[in-house]
């Protein structure tokens, strides 16, 4: 005796194994990791060079984040509108070095620390200064770089 399950043919597509997400991405992952280490060491060195105490305003982190944003503004315009760059330069420097150098997680911890210490004014000032400073830095650095590149190309 046969059942309806025995007579129904399977119409499902054959199961294919999905390729690994990292397949072919080894060089990119490697340069991001190396760049991240370089950026993190640079940030650590900046913190050693300009230490701020636990109750002090976190000027070092503010400066690191604003400088990192300015550099990313210059870098991205330079490699997208300037000279062609090696395909691994952007992940190495943009994601790795600058991602390791800037520290928005420390920014969040610093804001929380200031607010928990009852320093509402400095905490809110730091919150706003970092946001305005970082966005202003990336925008102005990108605009200036764009201007310089296009002026140089027009000659």
Protein backbone atom coordinates (compact mmCIF):
# COMPACT_ATOMS: atom_id res chain seq x y z
CA UNK A 1 0.00 0.00 0.00
CA UNK A 2 1.37 3.39 -0.93
CA UNK A 3 0.61 6.64 0.78
CA UNK A 4 0.29 10.07 -0.76
CA UNK A 5 3.71 10.89 0.69
CA UNK A 6 5.29 8.08 -1.35
CA UNK A 7 3.90 9.35 -4.65
CA UNK A 8 4.63 13.06 -4.29
CA UNK A 9 7.84 14.06 -5.99
CA UNK A 10 10.09 16.50 -4.26
CA UNK A 11 10.11 19.89 -5.95
CA UNK A 12 12.53 21.51 -3.54
CA UNK A 13 15.75 22.83 -5.02
CA UNK A 14 18.91 20.97 -4.13
CA UNK A 15 20.54 22.30 -1.00
CA UNK A 16 23.73 24.18 -1.78
CA UNK A 17 26.30 25.03 0.81
CA UNK A 18 26.66 28.79 1.34
CA UNK A 19 30.14 30.16 0.84
CA UNK A 20 31.89 31.47 3.91
CA UNK A 21 31.26 35.13 4.66
CA UNK A 22 35.00 35.69 4.91
CA UNK A 23 35.80 33.82 1.71
CA UNK A 24 38.33 35.92 -0.17
CA UNK A 25 38.31 38.55 2.56
CA UNK A 26 41.48 37.38 4.32
CA UNK A 27 43.66 40.27 3.12
CA UNK A 28 41.01 42.84 4.07
CA UNK A 29 40.53 41.33 7.53
CA UNK A 30 44.30 41.24 8.01
CA UNK A 31 44.88 44.90 7.07
CA UNK A 32 41.95 46.06 9.22
CA UNK A 33 43.39 44.14 12.18
CA UNK A 34 46.90 45.54 11.67
CA UNK A 35 45.54 49.05 11.13
CA UNK A 36 43.35 48.76 14.22
CA UNK A 37 46.36 47.81 16.31
CA UNK A 38 48.33 50.79 14.96
CA UNK A 39 45.43 53.18 15.67
CA UNK A 40 44.82 51.81 19.16
CA UNK A 41 48.52 52.16 20.05
CA UNK A 42 48.48 55.74 18.75
CA UNK A 43 45.42 56.53 20.87
CA UNK A 44 47.01 54.94 23.92
CA UNK A 45 50.19 56.96 23.36
CA UNK A 46 48.14 60.16 23.08
CA UNK A 47 46.48 59.31 26.39
CA UNK A 48 49.87 58.79 28.02
CA UNK A 49 51.14 62.05 26.57
CA UNK A 50 48.18 64.06 27.85
CA UNK A 51 46.68 62.28 30.82
CA UNK A 52 43.43 63.46 32.35
CA UNK A 53 42.36 62.49 35.81
CA UNK A 54 39.10 60.69 36.61
CA UNK A 55 37.34 63.91 37.64
CA UNK A 56 38.84 66.09 34.90
CA UNK A 57 37.20 67.09 31.66
CA UNK A 58 38.22 64.47 29.04
CA UNK A 59 40.09 66.82 26.71
CA UNK A 60 42.33 64.07 25.36
CA UNK A 61 39.43 61.92 24.14
CA UNK A 62 37.71 64.98 22.69
CA UNK A 63 40.85 65.96 20.78
CA UNK A 64 41.50 62.40 19.57
CA UNK A 65 37.97 62.07 18.20
CA UNK A 66 37.97 65.49 16.51
CA UNK A 67 41.41 64.95 14.96
CA UNK A 68 40.44 61.44 13.80
CA UNK A 69 37.30 62.83 12.15
CA UNK A 70 39.30 65.55 10.40
CA UNK A 71 41.77 62.97 9.12
CA UNK A 72 38.98 60.73 7.79
CA UNK A 73 37.52 63.74 5.97
CA UNK A 74 40.86 64.41 4.26
CA UNK A 75 41.56 60.74 3.61
CA UNK A 76 38.24 59.79 2.03
CA UNK A 77 38.17 62.78 -0.28
CA UNK A 78 41.80 62.19 -1.25
CA UNK A 79 41.23 58.55 -2.21
CA UNK A 80 37.84 59.02 -3.87
CA UNK A 81 38.42 62.30 -5.71
CA UNK A 82 42.20 62.45 -5.84
CA UNK A 83 44.66 59.83 -6.91
CA UNK A 84 43.57 56.21 -7.16
CA UNK A 85 44.58 54.19 -4.11
CA UNK A 86 45.43 50.56 -3.54
CA UNK A 87 42.23 48.61 -2.71
CA UNK A 88 43.56 47.69 0.74
CA UNK A 89 44.42 51.27 1.74
CA UNK A 90 40.87 52.25 2.67
CA UNK A 91 40.24 49.25 4.97
CA UNK A 92 43.73 49.55 6.48
CA UNK A 93 43.73 53.26 7.19
CA UNK A 94 40.06 54.30 7.18
CA UNK A 95 38.60 51.35 9.06
CA UNK A 96 41.66 50.01 10.87
CA UNK A 97 43.91 52.90 11.87
CA UNK A 98 41.25 55.57 12.27
CA UNK A 99 38.75 53.13 13.75
CA UNK A 100 41.34 52.10 16.33
CA UNK A 101 42.44 55.69 16.94
CA UNK A 102 39.06 57.31 17.48
CA UNK A 103 37.27 56.20 20.58
CA UNK A 104 33.59 56.87 20.71
CA UNK A 105 33.09 54.09 23.24
CA UNK A 106 35.36 56.00 25.64
CA UNK A 107 33.36 59.12 24.78
CA UNK A 108 30.18 57.40 25.97
CA UNK A 109 31.89 56.16 29.15
CA UNK A 110 33.28 59.64 29.84
CA UNK A 111 29.85 61.25 29.46
CA UNK A 112 28.34 58.70 31.81
CA UNK A 113 31.17 59.18 34.32
CA UNK A 114 30.70 62.96 34.35
CA UNK A 115 26.93 62.67 34.72
CA UNK A 116 27.17 60.07 37.50
CA UNK A 117 29.61 62.34 39.34
CA UNK A 118 26.94 65.05 39.32
CA UNK A 119 28.82 67.15 36.77
CA UNK A 120 25.84 67.82 34.52
CA UNK A 121 27.29 70.96 32.89
CA UNK A 122 30.65 69.44 31.90
CA UNK A 123 28.97 66.18 30.86
CA UNK A 124 26.51 67.91 28.54
CA UNK A 125 29.24 70.25 27.25
CA UNK A 126 31.44 67.26 26.43
CA UNK A 127 28.52 65.50 24.78
CA UNK A 128 27.81 68.52 22.56
CA UNK A 129 31.42 69.55 21.92
CA UNK A 130 32.34 66.08 20.70
CA UNK A 131 29.34 65.84 18.41
CA UNK A 132 29.72 69.32 16.93
CA UNK A 133 33.52 69.10 16.86
CA UNK A 134 33.60 65.69 15.14
CA UNK A 135 30.97 66.54 12.53
CA UNK A 136 32.49 69.98 11.94
CA UNK A 137 35.97 68.50 11.61
CA UNK A 138 35.02 65.86 9.05
CA UNK A 139 32.92 68.30 7.04
CA UNK A 140 35.44 71.15 7.00
CA UNK A 141 38.45 68.88 6.37
CA UNK A 142 36.63 67.16 3.51
CA UNK A 143 35.54 70.49 2.01
CA UNK A 144 39.04 71.95 2.23
CA UNK A 145 40.62 68.82 0.76
CA UNK A 146 38.08 68.78 -2.06
CA UNK A 147 38.85 72.41 -2.80
CA UNK A 148 42.60 71.80 -2.85
CA UNK A 149 42.29 68.72 -5.06
CA UNK A 150 40.06 70.41 -7.61
CA UNK A 151 42.13 73.59 -7.62
CA UNK A 152 45.28 71.52 -8.24
CA UNK A 153 43.58 69.55 -11.01
CA UNK A 154 42.44 72.71 -12.81
CA UNK A 155 46.00 73.96 -13.41
